[in-house]
Amino acid sequence: MKTRNILKFVTFVSIFSGCVPVSRESFDDELSEPVEEIIYYATLAGSSHNTQPWFVEIVNDSLLYLKADFSKKLQVVDPDARELFISLGAFIENFVFAAECFGYKADIQITAKHKNDTNVAAIYLSKAQRSNYDLDQIKNRRTLRTPFHNTAISKEHLNNLTHNNSEIVYFPSYSEEGKYIASQTLSAYICQVKDDQAKQELANWIRFSNSDVEKHRDGLTTSEMGITGFGGFFVRNFYKPEDSMKDSFINTGIDKTKEQTENCGGWILIVQNEENPENWINTGRLYQQLNLTSRDLMIGFHPMNQMIEEENFEKEVNERLSLPGVIQFVARIGYVENYPPANSVRRPCNKIIKYTEKNVK
């Protein structure tokens, strides 16, 4: 009887601990140097499946090297590492903004020449006047997977987002192009979730339980996937990552994606003239700018790259839309009533930062 009561208590404690999802605010990592704080803000950039494919080598107070962590590469949906380098570009954009807030100017020299290059960029820091940029913009940036209003983005807000950059293209959801993108996105998503290799890759990055979130501090959590309320509680406590490969979970995902593609104000596409790491990094910087600005305008932002991740769709989509460049990035956007707090977790900086032997901390 005593053993049974203990087991009941352990079960109660384990379930109760899963009531509240672990989020970024659950962790409090000590950062001792300004450059470490700058790097922390840089890590709040978005990345595919929240893989966080980066680490930084600090040579001295004025020179850092940003490097790609190819162990975080999505081999199935990102075979050419395009999305990996886009994530690194988003990291760079955050780094530049954060450095200015701490009184530094960050000069970026891109060193990556091919898709397998580990050495991404040299970052040169010099003292400068502090900027008035609000770091809360970086803290609050997030992906929203909820349905959006179907109202088209106003011309004023669109100008604030794109600054008339020719590499950024917007199609309202009601336009023929917008309808086409929605249809292709859903169809490509269905192809992915029915592909065994893609399903397994996604399952490898899913962190359902709080214990998995605390262990890895990366990947897709219930909150980040928009699984909230009782559903989130149930999944955190009774699902395993491999359950994401079951038909019931897949069909729910298809229904949710259909709802997402049918409920938005339009689509943002980023195009580049050539496929190479430098252009992918530039795409990432543009993506991060868009995502940072959208929250202040109460515009939801949801990267949905499925139609350019699937080879059978990518060529047709580029030919059909006939844009001045190759599509590198796709996002669903639209006005929202509420913007929940950012909740995606991040690996601690001491797992990301590496010091040279002469500068060991």
Protein backbone atom coordinates (compact mmCIF):
# COMPACT_ATOMS: atom_id res chain seq x y z
CA MET A 1 0.00 0.00 0.00
CA LYS A 2 2.81 2.38 0.88
CA THR A 3 4.57 1.70 -2.42
CA ARG A 4 1.32 2.28 -4.30
CA ASN A 5 0.84 5.65 -2.59
CA ILE A 6 4.38 6.67 -3.47
CA LEU A 7 3.77 5.74 -7.10
CA LYS A 8 0.55 7.78 -7.09
CA PHE A 9 2.41 10.75 -5.63
CA VAL A 10 5.21 10.49 -8.21
CA THR A 11 2.63 10.27 -11.01
CA PHE A 12 0.78 13.30 -9.63
CA VAL A 13 3.97 15.35 -9.36
CA SER A 14 5.10 14.41 -12.86
CA ILE A 15 1.73 15.33 -14.38
CA PHE A 16 1.40 18.53 -12.34
CA SER A 17 4.85 19.63 -13.50
CA GLY A 18 3.59 19.33 -17.07
CA CYS A 19 0.69 21.70 -16.49
CA VAL A 20 2.83 24.73 -17.29
CA PRO A 21 5.05 24.48 -20.37
CA VAL A 22 8.74 25.23 -19.99
CA SER A 23 9.57 28.39 -21.90
CA ARG A 24 12.45 30.80 -22.40
CA GLU A 25 11.62 32.54 -19.11
CA SER A 26 12.19 29.26 -17.26
CA PHE A 27 15.95 29.66 -17.64
CA ASP A 28 18.29 32.26 -16.20
CA ASP A 29 21.79 31.93 -17.64
CA GLU A 30 24.57 34.13 -16.29
CA LEU A 31 26.24 36.37 -18.86
CA SER A 32 29.43 38.00 -17.61
CA GLU A 33 30.60 40.09 -20.57
CA PRO A 34 28.81 42.56 -22.89
CA VAL A 35 29.79 40.48 -25.90
CA GLU A 36 28.07 37.47 -24.32
CA GLU A 37 24.90 39.52 -23.90
CA ILE A 38 25.10 40.60 -27.54
CA ILE A 39 25.46 36.96 -28.60
CA TYR A 40 22.48 36.01 -26.43
CA TYR A 41 20.28 38.53 -28.24
CA ALA A 42 21.61 37.25 -31.55
CA THR A 43 20.50 33.72 -30.63
CA LEU A 44 16.91 34.93 -30.34
CA ALA A 45 16.78 34.93 -34.13
CA GLY A 46 14.47 32.47 -35.82
CA SER A 47 15.75 29.19 -37.27
CA SER A 48 14.11 26.27 -39.05
CA HIS A 49 12.67 23.79 -36.50
CA ASN A 50 14.45 26.02 -33.92
CA THR A 51 17.66 24.11 -34.62
CA GLN A 52 19.89 27.11 -33.73
CA PRO A 53 22.66 26.08 -36.18
CA TRP A 54 25.37 28.42 -34.95
CA PHE A 55 28.30 28.88 -32.66
CA VAL A 56 30.67 31.79 -32.14
CA GLU A 57 34.42 31.77 -31.68
CA ILE A 58 35.70 34.78 -29.74
CA VAL A 59 39.28 35.73 -30.62
CA ASN A 60 39.39 38.97 -28.63
CA ASP A 61 37.21 41.95 -27.74
CA SER A 62 37.16 43.16 -31.33
CA LEU A 63 37.09 39.98 -33.43
CA LEU A 64 34.61 37.10 -33.48
CA TYR A 65 33.95 34.34 -35.97
CA LEU A 66 30.44 33.11 -36.68
CA LYS A 67 30.42 29.45 -37.66
CA ALA A 68 27.78 27.06 -38.93
CA ASP A 69 26.91 24.02 -36.85
CA PHE A 70 26.15 21.44 -39.52
CA SER A 71 25.12 18.90 -36.91
CA LYS A 72 21.91 20.99 -36.77
CA LYS A 73 21.31 20.87 -40.52
CA LEU A 74 17.96 19.50 -41.72
CA GLN A 75 19.20 16.90 -44.17
CA VAL A 76 15.80 16.07 -45.66
CA VAL A 77 13.98 19.40 -46.11
CA ASP A 78 17.12 21.54 -46.41
CA PRO A 79 19.67 19.42 -48.35
CA ASP A 80 21.48 22.45 -49.81
CA ALA A 81 21.69 24.26 -46.43
CA ARG A 82 19.77 27.26 -47.74
CA GLU A 83 17.60 27.51 -44.62
CA LEU A 84 20.61 26.94 -42.39
CA PHE A 85 22.36 29.98 -43.89
CA ILE A 86 19.13 32.00 -43.75
CA SER A 87 19.04 31.27 -40.01
CA LEU A 88 22.63 32.46 -39.71
CA GLY A 89 21.69 35.65 -41.54
CA ALA A 90 18.91 36.25 -38.99
CA PHE A 91 21.49 35.72 -36.23
CA ILE A 92 23.76 38.35 -37.83
CA GLU A 93 20.91 40.88 -38.07
CA ASN A 94 20.11 40.50 -34.37
CA PHE A 95 23.80 40.73 -33.52
CA VAL A 96 24.19 44.05 -35.35
CA PHE A 97 21.14 45.59 -33.62
CA ALA A 98 22.17 44.33 -30.17
CA ALA A 99 25.79 45.46 -30.59
CA GLU A 100 24.62 49.01 -31.30
CA CYS A 101 22.58 49.00 -28.09
CA PHE A 102 25.68 48.05 -26.13
CA GLY A 103 27.82 50.77 -27.73
CA TYR A 104 29.51 48.80 -30.50
CA LYS A 105 29.56 48.90 -34.27
CA ALA A 106 29.61 45.45 -35.86
CA ASP A 107 31.22 45.19 -39.28
CA ILE A 108 30.34 41.92 -40.97
CA GLN A 109 32.58 40.19 -43.50
CA ILE A 110 30.91 37.16 -45.06
CA THR A 111 33.44 34.38 -45.55
CA ALA A 112 31.19 31.47 -46.60
CA LYS A 113 31.63 30.68 -50.29
CA HIS A 114 29.84 27.36 -50.70
CA LYS A 115 27.03 25.43 -49.03
CA ASN A 116 29.38 23.28 -46.94
CA ASP A 117 31.41 26.17 -45.52
CA THR A 118 31.62 26.08 -41.73
CA ASN A 119 33.24 29.52 -41.57
CA VAL A 120 30.35 31.93 -42.12
CA ALA A 121 31.49 35.42 -41.18
CA ALA A 122 34.12 37.47 -39.42
CA ILE A 123 32.61 40.07 -37.08
CA TYR A 124 34.70 43.12 -36.22
CA LEU A 125 33.58 45.11 -33.17
CA SER A 126 34.54 48.72 -32.49
CA LYS A 127 33.33 51.21 -29.91
CA ALA A 128 30.50 53.46 -31.06
CA GLN A 129 27.69 55.59 -29.73
CA ARG A 130 24.86 53.57 -28.19
CA SER A 131 21.73 53.38 -30.29
CA ASN A 132 18.18 53.84 -29.04
CA TYR A 133 17.02 50.56 -30.51
CA ASP A 134 14.64 48.74 -28.17
CA LEU A 135 16.03 45.30 -27.35
CA ASP A 136 12.53 44.20 -26.38
CA GLN A 137 11.82 44.04 -30.11
CA ILE A 138 14.33 41.20 -30.33
CA LYS A 139 13.04 39.57 -27.15
CA ASN A 140 9.43 39.70 -28.32
CA ARG A 141 9.97 38.48 -31.89
CA ARG A 142 8.18 35.23 -32.51
CA THR A 143 6.49 33.02 -35.09
CA LEU A 144 2.70 33.01 -34.89
CA ARG A 145 0.87 29.89 -36.09
CA THR A 146 -2.65 31.10 -35.35
CA PRO A 147 -5.17 32.11 -38.04
CA PHE A 148 -4.79 35.76 -39.11
CA HIS A 149 -7.30 38.30 -40.40
CA ASN A 150 -7.82 38.14 -44.17
CA THR A 151 -7.57 41.92 -44.47
CA ALA A 152 -4.81 42.95 -46.88
CA ILE A 153 -1.81 44.72 -45.37
CA SER A 154 -2.19 48.49 -45.71
CA LYS A 155 0.12 50.38 -48.04
CA GLU A 156 1.60 52.31 -45.11
CA HIS A 157 2.37 49.16 -43.14
CA LEU A 158 3.70 47.43 -46.20
CA ASN A 159 6.12 50.30 -46.76
CA ASN A 160 7.21 50.03 -43.12
CA LEU A 161 7.85 46.33 -43.62
CA THR A 162 9.56 46.26 -46.98
CA HIS A 163 10.98 49.79 -47.42
CA ASN A 164 10.28 49.24 -51.14
CA ASN A 165 13.09 46.68 -51.31
CA SER A 166 12.83 44.93 -54.68
CA GLU A 167 13.98 41.66 -53.10
CA ILE A 168 10.80 41.55 -50.98
CA VAL A 169 7.51 40.79 -52.75
CA TYR A 170 4.01 40.86 -51.25
CA PHE A 171 0.88 39.21 -52.61
CA PRO A 172 -2.50 39.81 -50.90
CA SER A 173 -4.36 36.63 -50.00
CA TYR A 174 -7.25 37.54 -52.33
CA SER A 175 -4.97 37.89 -55.38
CA GLU A 176 -4.55 35.04 -57.87
CA GLU A 177 -0.91 34.76 -56.81
CA GLY A 178 -1.89 34.70 -53.13
CA LYS A 179 -4.43 31.93 -53.72
CA TYR A 180 -1.86 29.98 -55.72
CA ILE A 181 0.77 30.27 -52.97
CA ALA A 182 -1.76 29.13 -50.36
CA SER A 183 -2.71 26.11 -52.46
CA GLN A 184 0.88 25.14 -53.22
CA THR A 185 1.93 25.59 -49.59
CA LEU A 186 -0.77 23.22 -48.37
CA SER A 187 -0.05 20.66 -51.10
CA ALA A 188 3.69 20.73 -50.39
CA TYR A 189 3.02 20.41 -46.65
CA ILE A 190 0.91 17.30 -47.27
CA CYS A 191 3.75 15.80 -49.34
CA GLN A 192 6.19 16.43 -46.50
CA VAL A 193 4.08 14.96 -43.72
CA LYS A 194 3.51 11.82 -45.76
CA ASP A 195 7.19 11.34 -46.50
CA ASP A 196 8.75 8.92 -44.00
CA GLN A 197 12.16 10.61 -43.96
CA ALA A 198 10.69 14.09 -43.49
CA LYS A 199 8.41 12.78 -40.73
CA GLN A 200 11.34 11.23 -38.90
CA GLU A 201 13.41 14.41 -39.24
CA LEU A 202 10.59 16.48 -37.76
CA ALA A 203 10.13 13.96 -34.93
CA ASN A 204 13.85 14.30 -34.11
CA TRP A 205 13.32 18.00 -33.37
CA ILE A 206 10.05 17.79 -31.45
CA ARG A 207 10.22 18.44 -27.70
CA PHE A 208 6.85 17.47 -26.29
CA SER A 209 7.69 16.93 -22.61
CA ASN A 210 9.05 19.59 -20.27
CA SER A 211 11.97 17.28 -19.48
CA ASP A 212 12.96 17.16 -23.17
CA VAL A 213 12.72 20.96 -23.40
CA GLU A 214 14.97 21.36 -20.37
CA LYS A 215 17.43 18.79 -21.70
CA HIS A 216 17.83 20.13 -25.25
CA ARG A 217 16.68 23.77 -25.11
CA ASP A 218 16.04 23.77 -28.84
CA GLY A 219 13.54 22.27 -31.27
CA LEU A 220 9.77 22.59 -31.43
CA THR A 221 7.87 22.71 -28.15
CA THR A 222 4.11 22.44 -27.69
CA SER A 223 3.84 26.20 -27.15
CA GLU A 224 5.90 26.98 -30.22
CA MET A 225 3.74 24.67 -32.35
CA GLY A 226 0.61 26.39 -31.06
CA ILE A 227 -0.58 23.38 -29.05
CA THR A 228 -1.99 25.14 -25.99
CA GLY A 229 -4.60 24.69 -23.27
CA PHE A 230 -5.72 21.18 -22.37
CA GLY A 231 -4.35 19.89 -25.68
CA GLY A 232 -0.90 21.17 -24.77
CA PHE A 233 -1.15 19.64 -21.30
CA PHE A 234 -2.18 16.27 -22.76
CA VAL A 235 0.55 16.23 -25.42
CA ARG A 236 3.30 17.26 -22.96
CA ASN A 237 2.40 14.46 -20.57
CA PHE A 238 1.25 11.61 -22.77
CA TYR A 239 2.86 12.05 -26.20
CA LYS A 240 6.30 11.02 -27.37
CA PRO A 241 8.07 12.61 -30.37
CA GLU A 242 7.45 9.47 -32.46
CA ASP A 243 3.71 10.00 -31.96
CA SER A 244 4.04 12.93 -34.37
CA MET A 245 4.45 10.32 -37.13
CA LYS A 246 1.03 8.78 -36.50
CA ASP A 247 -1.88 9.41 -38.87
CA SER A 248 -3.99 11.13 -36.22
CA PHE A 249 -1.30 13.73 -35.50
CA ILE A 250 -0.55 14.17 -39.21
CA ASN A 251 -4.21 14.70 -40.12
CA THR A 252 -4.57 17.27 -37.35
CA GLY A 253 -1.52 19.07 -38.75
CA ILE A 254 -3.01 19.07 -42.26
CA ASP A 255 -6.28 20.53 -40.99
CA LYS A 256 -4.40 23.21 -39.06
CA THR A 257 -2.21 24.09 -42.04
CA LYS A 258 -5.29 24.37 -44.26
CA GLU A 259 -6.80 26.79 -41.75
CA GLN A 260 -3.58 28.79 -41.65
CA THR A 261 -3.25 29.09 -45.43
CA GLU A 262 -6.89 30.12 -45.75
CA ASN A 263 -6.66 32.77 -43.05
CA CYS A 264 -4.05 35.44 -43.65
CA GLY A 265 -3.68 38.88 -45.15
CA GLY A 266 -1.15 37.76 -47.72
CA TRP A 267 2.26 36.30 -48.43
CA ILE A 268 5.75 37.76 -48.22
CA LEU A 269 8.41 36.31 -50.52
CA ILE A 270 12.13 37.10 -50.56
CA VAL A 271 13.97 36.59 -53.85
CA GLN A 272 17.66 36.62 -54.78
CA ASN A 273 19.43 36.58 -58.15
CA GLU A 274 21.69 33.67 -57.30
CA GLU A 275 21.79 30.66 -55.01
CA ASN A 276 24.82 31.05 -52.73
CA PRO A 277 25.56 31.44 -49.01
CA GLU A 278 26.00 35.21 -49.19
CA ASN A 279 22.56 35.68 -50.75
CA TRP A 280 21.00 33.21 -48.31
CA ILE A 281 22.53 35.16 -45.44
CA ASN A 282 21.15 38.39 -46.90
CA THR A 283 17.76 36.70 -47.12
CA GLY A 284 18.02 35.84 -43.43
CA ARG A 285 18.80 39.42 -42.51
CA LEU A 286 15.78 40.63 -44.48
CA TYR A 287 13.58 37.96 -42.92
CA GLN A 288 14.65 39.01 -39.44
CA GLN A 289 13.96 42.68 -40.20
CA LEU A 290 10.47 41.78 -41.41
CA ASN A 291 9.73 39.64 -38.38
CA LEU A 292 10.99 42.27 -35.93
CA THR A 293 8.92 45.03 -37.53
CA SER A 294 5.73 43.00 -37.91
CA ARG A 295 5.04 42.71 -34.19
CA ASP A 296 4.95 46.49 -33.68
CA LEU A 297 2.37 46.66 -36.49
CA MET A 298 0.32 43.82 -34.94
CA ILE A 299 1.00 41.71 -37.99
CA GLY A 300 1.43 37.98 -37.41
CA PHE A 301 4.44 36.43 -39.13
CA HIS A 302 4.71 32.73 -39.98
CA PRO A 303 7.50 31.33 -42.21
CA MET A 304 6.04 28.61 -44.47
CA ASN A 305 8.74 27.45 -46.88
CA GLN A 306 7.22 24.09 -47.79
CA MET A 307 6.61 24.90 -51.46
CA ILE A 308 10.29 25.74 -52.03
CA GLU A 309 11.55 22.89 -49.83
CA GLU A 310 9.92 20.31 -52.11
CA GLU A 311 11.82 19.94 -55.38
CA ASN A 312 8.71 18.96 -57.33
CA PHE A 313 7.03 22.23 -56.32
CA GLU A 314 9.95 24.69 -56.30
CA LYS A 315 10.62 24.82 -60.04
CA GLU A 316 6.95 25.14 -60.94
CA VAL A 317 6.35 27.86 -58.34
CA ASN A 318 9.28 29.95 -59.57
CA GLU A 319 8.12 29.60 -63.18
CA ARG A 320 4.49 30.34 -62.35
CA LEU A 321 5.15 33.48 -60.28
CA SER A 322 7.94 34.68 -62.59
CA LEU A 323 9.59 36.97 -60.05
CA PRO A 324 12.86 38.93 -60.58
CA GLY A 325 14.94 36.25 -58.88
CA VAL A 326 14.71 32.84 -57.24
CA ILE A 327 12.37 32.49 -54.27
CA GLN A 328 14.41 31.91 -51.10
CA PHE A 329 11.86 32.48 -48.37
CA VAL A 330 8.07 32.45 -47.93
CA ALA A 331 6.00 33.75 -45.00
CA ARG A 332 2.31 34.00 -44.24
CA ILE A 333 1.39 37.38 -42.71
CA GLY A 334 -1.74 39.07 -41.45
CA TYR A 335 -3.22 41.32 -38.81
CA VAL A 336 -3.87 39.83 -35.38
CA GLU A 337 -5.71 40.96 -32.26
CA ASN A 338 -3.20 39.53 -29.78
CA TYR A 339 0.52 38.86 -29.81
CA PRO A 340 1.43 36.27 -27.17
CA PRO A 341 4.87 36.50 -25.51
CA ALA A 342 7.82 34.87 -27.25
CA ASN A 343 8.31 31.41 -25.81
CA SER A 344 10.81 29.47 -27.92
CA VAL A 345 13.71 28.22 -25.84
CA ARG A 346 17.39 28.79 -26.52
CA ARG A 347 20.52 26.84 -25.73
CA PRO A 348 22.73 28.47 -23.09
CA CYS A 349 25.43 30.77 -24.42
CA ASN A 350 28.18 28.67 -22.87
CA LYS A 351 27.19 25.94 -25.33
CA ILE A 352 27.44 28.36 -28.25
CA ILE A 353 30.51 30.43 -27.40
CA LYS A 354 34.01 29.09 -27.95
CA TYR A 355 37.10 31.05 -26.98
CA THR A 356 40.44 30.76 -28.72
CA GLU A 357 43.21 29.21 -26.64
CA LYS A 358 44.77 32.62 -26.01
CA ASN A 359 41.45 33.99 -24.75
CA VAL A 360 40.12 31.16 -22.59
CA LYS A 361 37.64 32.29 -19.96
